[in-house]
Amino acid sequence: MTLRCMRKVTYQREEAAAHSLCPVVSPAQLRPCNTQACPPGWNTGAWSQCSKSCGRGLRKRSVFCQSADPGAVVPDSMCRQNQRPKAQESCVLRRCPKNDKLQWTLTSWGECSVSCGGGVQTRGVQCVYQGRPASGCLAHQRPVATRACNTQFCPRAAPPPQHHHNRVTAVGTTLRGKVLPSQGFPVSISRFLKLFGLRSNVPSNFPCV
């Protein structure tokens, strides 16, 4: 607003006059207005780096509602939702080179090395380009080629049953009996003699050794 001292020349005509001709106390040039506090508004942080070094990636930033005075962060509901800035957007730093078709290929997992007690499975991992073996695949993206398998404990096998039988050896008409462990069935000396039509001169109370 411009403040000037005017004097009336005629009924409908005015012209500028020296400030000394006007009253000492001049009207106020400023007055307060809209004294209510400003509503909160959206503010944002800096963008993050692009998620990919080549090709289309994504970058993000923080978005928060902030009061005008003293600048404190307030709940998002206090800001206008239709004016909220976007928190993420796509980004492209550069085009990827032509070898972006390099990829790791895998074969099926092989059989476990053991059936229990902890073994190892393996599979083939190969870098290919357009279906042919190649080099240049990213090492940190290489899939694992081995893994643990059949880690459960093996069941404890029961000991085989121990049987005793009489093993006899005939020398002429003399028989000797021995008691030995075996997985077969017991065969007595008398049954052996009966089967082969032999006679024994071994006393019935002859001890086995």
C-alpha atoms as a PDB file:
ATOM      1  CA  MET A   1       0.000   0.000   0.000  1.00  0.00           C
ATOM      2  CA  THR A   2       1.312   3.459  -0.923  1.00  0.00           C
ATOM      3  CA  LEU A   3       0.623   6.332   1.484  1.00  0.00           C
ATOM      4  CA  ARG A   4       0.439   9.882   0.022  1.00  0.00           C
ATOM      5  CA  CYS A   5      -0.657  13.333   1.268  1.00  0.00           C
ATOM      6  CA  MET A   6      -3.411  14.780  -0.978  1.00  0.00           C
ATOM      7  CA  ARG A   7      -5.216  18.097  -1.070  1.00  0.00           C
ATOM      8  CA  LYS A   8      -8.570  18.814  -2.644  1.00  0.00           C
ATOM      9  CA  VAL A   9      -8.434  21.392  -5.410  1.00  0.00           C
ATOM     10  CA  THR A  10     -12.044  21.291  -6.460  1.00  0.00           C
ATOM     11  CA  TYR A  11     -15.046  19.261  -5.391  1.00  0.00           C
ATOM     12  CA  GLN A  12     -14.087  16.355  -7.564  1.00  0.00           C
ATOM     13  CA  ARG A  13     -10.350  16.898  -8.023  1.00  0.00           C
ATOM     14  CA  GLU A  14      -7.372  16.078  -5.778  1.00  0.00           C
ATOM     15  CA  GLU A  15      -3.644  16.489  -6.159  1.00  0.00           C
ATOM     16  CA  ALA A  16      -0.580  15.391  -4.259  1.00  0.00           C
ATOM     17  CA  ALA A  17       0.734  17.714  -1.580  1.00  0.00           C
ATOM     18  CA  ALA A  18       3.792  17.864   0.640  1.00  0.00           C
ATOM     19  CA  HIS A  19       3.745  15.465   3.614  1.00  0.00           C
ATOM     20  CA  SER A  20       4.265  18.462   5.904  1.00  0.00           C
ATOM     21  CA  LEU A  21       0.794  19.713   5.024  1.00  0.00           C
ATOM     22  CA  CYS A  22      -0.858  16.518   6.281  1.00  0.00           C
ATOM     23  CA  PRO A  23      -1.404  15.683   9.951  1.00  0.00           C
ATOM     24  CA  VAL A  24       1.625  14.444  11.862  1.00  0.00           C
ATOM     25  CA  VAL A  25       0.042  11.126  12.734  1.00  0.00           C
ATOM     26  CA  SER A  26      -0.293   9.195   9.503  1.00  0.00           C
ATOM     27  CA  PRO A  27      -2.603   6.217   9.093  1.00  0.00           C
ATOM     28  CA  ALA A  28      -1.112   2.797   9.696  1.00  0.00           C
ATOM     29  CA  GLN A  29       0.335   1.192   6.596  1.00  0.00           C
ATOM     30  CA  LEU A  30       0.274  -2.352   7.987  1.00  0.00           C
ATOM     31  CA  ARG A  31      -2.240  -4.354   9.974  1.00  0.00           C
ATOM     32  CA  PRO A  32      -2.343  -7.984  11.037  1.00  0.00           C
ATOM     33  CA  CYS A  33      -4.538 -10.427   9.178  1.00  0.00           C
ATOM     34  CA  ASN A  34      -5.169 -14.192   9.039  1.00  0.00           C
ATOM     35  CA  THR A  35      -3.779 -14.622  12.520  1.00  0.00           C
ATOM     36  CA  GLN A  36      -4.942 -18.239  12.813  1.00  0.00           C
ATOM     37  CA  ALA A  37      -2.266 -20.937  12.724  1.00  0.00           C
ATOM     38  CA  CYS A  38      -1.436 -22.412   9.351  1.00  0.00           C
ATOM     39  CA  PRO A  39      -2.645 -25.996   8.835  1.00  0.00           C
ATOM     40  CA  PRO A  40      -0.093 -28.822   8.763  1.00  0.00           C
ATOM     41  CA  GLY A  41       1.411 -29.706   5.402  1.00  0.00           C
ATOM     42  CA  TRP A  42       3.271 -32.574   3.765  1.00  0.00           C
ATOM     43  CA  ASN A  43       7.032 -32.715   3.797  1.00  0.00           C
ATOM     44  CA  THR A  44       9.417 -35.251   2.272  1.00  0.00           C
ATOM     45  CA  GLY A  45      12.854 -36.682   2.831  1.00  0.00           C
ATOM     46  CA  ALA A  46      15.549 -37.217   0.227  1.00  0.00           C
ATOM     47  CA  TRP A  47      15.166 -39.906  -2.441  1.00  0.00           C
ATOM     48  CA  SER A  48      17.040 -43.151  -1.876  1.00  0.00           C
ATOM     49  CA  GLN A  49      19.400 -44.632  -4.430  1.00  0.00           C
ATOM     50  CA  CYS A  50      17.877 -46.551  -7.319  1.00  0.00           C
ATOM     51  CA  SER A  51      17.395 -50.217  -6.508  1.00  0.00           C
ATOM     52  CA  LYS A  52      19.126 -51.295  -9.738  1.00  0.00           C
ATOM     53  CA  SER A  53      22.360 -50.109 -11.294  1.00  0.00           C
ATOM     54  CA  CYS A  54      20.962 -50.658 -14.769  1.00  0.00           C
ATOM     55  CA  GLY A  55      17.496 -51.117 -16.186  1.00  0.00           C
ATOM     56  CA  ARG A  56      14.271 -50.085 -14.461  1.00  0.00           C
ATOM     57  CA  GLY A  57      14.494 -49.939 -10.676  1.00  0.00           C
ATOM     58  CA  LEU A  58      12.743 -48.253  -7.777  1.00  0.00           C
ATOM     59  CA  ARG A  59      13.642 -45.426  -5.423  1.00  0.00           C
ATOM     60  CA  LYS A  60      11.876 -44.386  -2.230  1.00  0.00           C
ATOM     61  CA  ARG A  61      11.622 -41.476   0.193  1.00  0.00           C
ATOM     62  CA  SER A  62       9.920 -40.722   3.485  1.00  0.00           C
ATOM     63  CA  VAL A  63       6.686 -38.688   3.456  1.00  0.00           C
ATOM     64  CA  PHE A  64       5.387 -37.123   6.669  1.00  0.00           C
ATOM     65  CA  CYS A  65       2.837 -34.590   7.862  1.00  0.00           C
ATOM     66  CA  GLN A  66       4.409 -31.586   9.599  1.00  0.00           C
ATOM     67  CA  SER A  67       2.943 -28.668  11.501  1.00  0.00           C
ATOM     68  CA  ALA A  68       3.885 -25.134  10.428  1.00  0.00           C
ATOM     69  CA  ASP A  69       4.955 -24.023  13.919  1.00  0.00           C
ATOM     70  CA  PRO A  70       7.171 -25.304  15.438  1.00  0.00           C
ATOM     71  CA  GLY A  71       7.601 -27.845  12.641  1.00  0.00           C
ATOM     72  CA  ALA A  72       6.778 -30.985  14.592  1.00  0.00           C
ATOM     73  CA  VAL A  73       5.699 -34.172  12.859  1.00  0.00           C
ATOM     74  CA  VAL A  74       1.984 -34.836  13.372  1.00  0.00           C
ATOM     75  CA  PRO A  75      -0.305 -37.736  12.378  1.00  0.00           C
ATOM     76  CA  ASP A  76      -0.876 -38.125   8.638  1.00  0.00           C
ATOM     77  CA  SER A  77      -4.612 -37.735   9.184  1.00  0.00           C
ATOM     78  CA  MET A  78      -4.060 -34.012   9.911  1.00  0.00           C
ATOM     79  CA  CYS A  79      -2.824 -33.388   6.344  1.00  0.00           C
ATOM     80  CA  ARG A  80      -4.898 -33.459   3.186  1.00  0.00           C
ATOM     81  CA  GLN A  81      -4.658 -36.939   1.716  1.00  0.00           C
ATOM     82  CA  ASN A  82      -5.322 -35.785  -1.838  1.00  0.00           C
ATOM     83  CA  GLN A  83      -2.163 -33.645  -1.650  1.00  0.00           C
ATOM     84  CA  ARG A  84       0.127 -36.372  -0.311  1.00  0.00           C
ATOM     85  CA  PRO A  85       3.380 -36.624  -2.347  1.00  0.00           C
ATOM     86  CA  LYS A  86       4.354 -40.024  -3.746  1.00  0.00           C
ATOM     87  CA  ALA A  87       6.707 -42.083  -1.596  1.00  0.00           C
ATOM     88  CA  GLN A  88       8.252 -44.155  -4.406  1.00  0.00           C
ATOM     89  CA  GLU A  89       8.811 -43.993  -8.119  1.00  0.00           C
ATOM     90  CA  SER A  90      10.571 -45.901 -10.869  1.00  0.00           C
ATOM     91  CA  CYS A  91      14.096 -44.969 -11.876  1.00  0.00           C
ATOM     92  CA  VAL A  92      16.539 -45.852 -14.657  1.00  0.00           C
ATOM     93  CA  LEU A  93      20.198 -44.954 -14.162  1.00  0.00           C
ATOM     94  CA  ARG A  94      21.348 -46.468 -17.449  1.00  0.00           C
ATOM     95  CA  ARG A  95      20.518 -49.187 -19.895  1.00  0.00           C
ATOM     96  CA  CYS A  96      21.816 -52.635 -19.070  1.00  0.00           C
ATOM     97  CA  PRO A  97      24.482 -54.088 -21.393  1.00  0.00           C
ATOM     98  CA  LYS A  98      23.534 -56.730 -23.921  1.00  0.00           C
ATOM     99  CA  ASN A  99      24.717 -59.551 -21.661  1.00  0.00           C
ATOM    100  CA  ASP A 100      21.695 -59.049 -19.402  1.00  0.00           C
ATOM    101  CA  LYS A 101      20.405 -62.377 -20.770  1.00  0.00           C
ATOM    102  CA  LEU A 102      23.102 -64.250 -18.880  1.00  0.00           C
ATOM    103  CA  GLN A 103      21.480 -66.466 -16.297  1.00  0.00           C
ATOM    104  CA  TRP A 104      22.108 -69.391 -13.976  1.00  0.00           C
ATOM    105  CA  THR A 105      20.451 -72.684 -14.921  1.00  0.00           C
ATOM    106  CA  LEU A 106      19.883 -75.580 -12.542  1.00  0.00           C
ATOM    107  CA  THR A 107      19.422 -79.335 -12.758  1.00  0.00           C
ATOM    108  CA  SER A 108      17.247 -81.370 -10.404  1.00  0.00           C
ATOM    109  CA  TRP A 109      18.571 -82.359  -7.000  1.00  0.00           C
ATOM    110  CA  GLY A 110      20.306 -85.734  -6.973  1.00  0.00           C
ATOM    111  CA  GLU A 111      19.681 -88.533  -4.508  1.00  0.00           C
ATOM    112  CA  CYS A 112      20.817 -88.114  -0.921  1.00  0.00           C
ATOM    113  CA  SER A 113      24.160 -89.702  -0.137  1.00  0.00           C
ATOM    114  CA  VAL A 114      22.705 -91.571   2.854  1.00  0.00           C
ATOM    115  CA  SER A 115      19.244 -92.690   3.938  1.00  0.00           C
ATOM    116  CA  CYS A 116      19.603 -91.337   7.492  1.00  0.00           C
ATOM    117  CA  GLY A 117      22.068 -89.679   9.793  1.00  0.00           C
ATOM    118  CA  GLY A 118      22.727 -86.615   7.630  1.00  0.00           C
ATOM    119  CA  GLY A 119      23.808 -86.669   4.012  1.00  0.00           C
ATOM    120  CA  VAL A 120      24.357 -84.338   1.081  1.00  0.00           C
ATOM    121  CA  GLN A 121      22.439 -83.663  -2.117  1.00  0.00           C
ATOM    122  CA  THR A 122      23.991 -81.970  -5.137  1.00  0.00           C
ATOM    123  CA  ARG A 123      22.717 -80.379  -8.320  1.00  0.00           C
ATOM    124  CA  GLY A 124      24.271 -78.835 -11.405  1.00  0.00           C
ATOM    125  CA  VAL A 125      24.639 -75.027 -11.586  1.00  0.00           C
ATOM    126  CA  GLN A 126      25.745 -73.477 -14.872  1.00  0.00           C
ATOM    127  CA  CYS A 127      25.967 -69.996 -16.370  1.00  0.00           C
ATOM    128  CA  VAL A 128      24.361 -69.864 -19.829  1.00  0.00           C
ATOM    129  CA  TYR A 129      23.669 -67.282 -22.508  1.00  0.00           C
ATOM    130  CA  GLN A 130      20.905 -67.967 -25.001  1.00  0.00           C
ATOM    131  CA  GLY A 131      20.969 -71.633 -24.041  1.00  0.00           C
ATOM    132  CA  ARG A 132      24.750 -72.069 -24.339  1.00  0.00           C
ATOM    133  CA  PRO A 133      27.372 -72.331 -21.571  1.00  0.00           C
ATOM    134  CA  ALA A 134      28.962 -68.963 -20.877  1.00  0.00           C
ATOM    135  CA  SER A 135      30.786 -66.932 -18.247  1.00  0.00           C
ATOM    136  CA  GLY A 136      29.968 -63.597 -16.736  1.00  0.00           C
ATOM    137  CA  CYS A 137      26.999 -64.407 -14.501  1.00  0.00           C
ATOM    138  CA  LEU A 138      26.956 -62.517 -11.216  1.00  0.00           C
ATOM    139  CA  ALA A 139      28.681 -64.619  -8.564  1.00  0.00           C
ATOM    140  CA  HIS A 140      26.564 -63.303  -5.683  1.00  0.00           C
ATOM    141  CA  GLN A 141      23.446 -64.544  -7.498  1.00  0.00           C
ATOM    142  CA  ARG A 142      24.772 -68.096  -7.992  1.00  0.00           C
ATOM    143  CA  PRO A 143      22.324 -70.632  -6.497  1.00  0.00           C
ATOM    144  CA  VAL A 144      23.647 -73.185  -4.015  1.00  0.00           C
ATOM    145  CA  ALA A 145      24.776 -76.505  -5.484  1.00  0.00           C
ATOM    146  CA  THR A 146      24.679 -78.619  -2.292  1.00  0.00           C
ATOM    147  CA  ARG A 147      22.298 -78.998   0.622  1.00  0.00           C
ATOM    148  CA  ALA A 148      21.840 -81.242   3.635  1.00  0.00           C
ATOM    149  CA  CYS A 149      19.376 -84.140   3.442  1.00  0.00           C
ATOM    150  CA  ASN A 150      18.013 -87.022   5.532  1.00  0.00           C
ATOM    151  CA  THR A 151      19.188 -85.416   8.744  1.00  0.00           C
ATOM    152  CA  GLN A 152      17.021 -87.637  10.951  1.00  0.00           C
ATOM    153  CA  PHE A 153      18.725 -90.116  13.277  1.00  0.00           C
ATOM    154  CA  CYS A 154      19.165 -93.660  12.061  1.00  0.00           C
ATOM    155  CA  PRO A 155      17.164 -96.306  13.999  1.00  0.00           C
ATOM    156  CA  ARG A 156      19.215 -98.622  16.209  1.00  0.00           C
ATOM    157  CA  ALA A 157      19.435-102.105  14.687  1.00  0.00           C
ATOM    158  CA  ALA A 158      18.591-105.023  17.005  1.00  0.00           C
ATOM    159  CA  PRO A 159      21.454-107.557  17.444  1.00  0.00           C
ATOM    160  CA  PRO A 160      20.904-110.806  15.536  1.00  0.00           C
ATOM    161  CA  PRO A 161      19.655-113.700  17.671  1.00  0.00           C
ATOM    162  CA  GLN A 162      22.343-116.124  18.857  1.00  0.00           C
ATOM    163  CA  HIS A 163      21.551-119.792  18.558  1.00  0.00           C
ATOM    164  CA  HIS A 164      23.640-122.725  19.691  1.00  0.00           C
ATOM    165  CA  HIS A 165      23.859-126.005  17.953  1.00  0.00           C
ATOM    166  CA  ASN A 166      25.924-129.133  18.143  1.00  0.00           C
ATOM    167  CA  ARG A 167      28.417-129.289  15.266  1.00  0.00           C
ATOM    168  CA  VAL A 168      29.751-132.817  14.974  1.00  0.00           C
ATOM    169  CA  THR A 169      32.768-134.148  13.123  1.00  0.00           C
ATOM    170  CA  ALA A 170      33.087-137.883  12.487  1.00  0.00           C
ATOM    171  CA  VAL A 171      36.525-139.467  12.457  1.00  0.00           C
ATOM    172  CA  GLY A 172      36.080-143.209  11.934  1.00  0.00           C
ATOM    173  CA  THR A 173      33.610-144.126  14.649  1.00  0.00           C
ATOM    174  CA  THR A 174      34.665-141.363  17.008  1.00  0.00           C
ATOM    175  CA  LEU A 175      32.468-138.221  17.249  1.00  0.00           C
ATOM    176  CA  ARG A 176      33.289-134.995  18.983  1.00  0.00           C
ATOM    177  CA  GLY A 177      30.637-132.414  19.807  1.00  0.00           C
ATOM    178  CA  LYS A 178      31.256-128.670  20.016  1.00  0.00           C
ATOM    179  CA  VAL A 179      28.807-125.954  21.102  1.00  0.00           C
ATOM    180  CA  LEU A 180      29.198-122.892  18.825  1.00  0.00           C
ATOM    181  CA  PRO A 181      27.060-119.758  18.214  1.00  0.00           C
ATOM    182  CA  SER A 182      25.229-119.738  14.883  1.00  0.00           C
ATOM    183  CA  GLN A 183      22.245-118.104  13.128  1.00  0.00           C
ATOM    184  CA  GLY A 184      21.002-121.573  12.112  1.00  0.00           C
ATOM    185  CA  PHE A 185      18.768-123.964  14.021  1.00  0.00           C
ATOM    186  CA  PRO A 186      19.928-126.308  16.806  1.00  0.00           C
ATOM    187  CA  VAL A 187      20.897-129.783  15.579  1.00  0.00           C
ATOM    188  CA  SER A 188      21.495-132.426  18.234  1.00  0.00           C
ATOM    189  CA  ILE A 189      24.154-135.152  17.953  1.00  0.00           C
ATOM    190  CA  SER A 190      21.556-137.886  18.190  1.00  0.00           C
ATOM    191  CA  ARG A 191      19.591-136.466  15.248  1.00  0.00           C
ATOM    192  CA  PHE A 192      22.797-136.164  13.217  1.00  0.00           C
ATOM    193  CA  LEU A 193      23.627-139.823  13.852  1.00  0.00           C
ATOM    194  CA  LYS A 194      20.124-140.911  12.982  1.00  0.00           C
ATOM    195  CA  LEU A 195      20.149-139.027   9.678  1.00  0.00           C
ATOM    196  CA  PHE A 196      23.421-140.551   8.545  1.00  0.00           C
ATOM    197  CA  GLY A 197      22.992-143.980  10.068  1.00  0.00           C
ATOM    198  CA  LEU A 198      26.045-143.697  12.335  1.00  0.00           C
ATOM    199  CA  ARG A 199      26.806-145.045  15.738  1.00  0.00           C
ATOM    200  CA  SER A 200      28.691-143.218  18.409  1.00  0.00           C
ATOM    201  CA  ASN A 201      30.965-144.603  21.048  1.00  0.00           C
ATOM    202  CA  VAL A 202      30.885-141.247  22.817  1.00  0.00           C
ATOM    203  CA  PRO A 203      29.399-141.643  26.288  1.00  0.00           C
ATOM    204  CA  SER A 204      26.127-139.821  26.863  1.00  0.00           C
ATOM    205  CA  ASN A 205      27.763-137.807  29.589  1.00  0.00           C
ATOM    206  CA  PHE A 206      30.707-136.747  27.350  1.00  0.00           C
ATOM    207  CA  PRO A 207      31.248-133.002  27.937  1.00  0.00           C
ATOM    208  CA  CYS A 208      31.198-130.558  25.003  1.00  0.00           C
ATOM    209  CA  VAL A 209      34.378-128.485  24.595  1.00  0.00           C
END
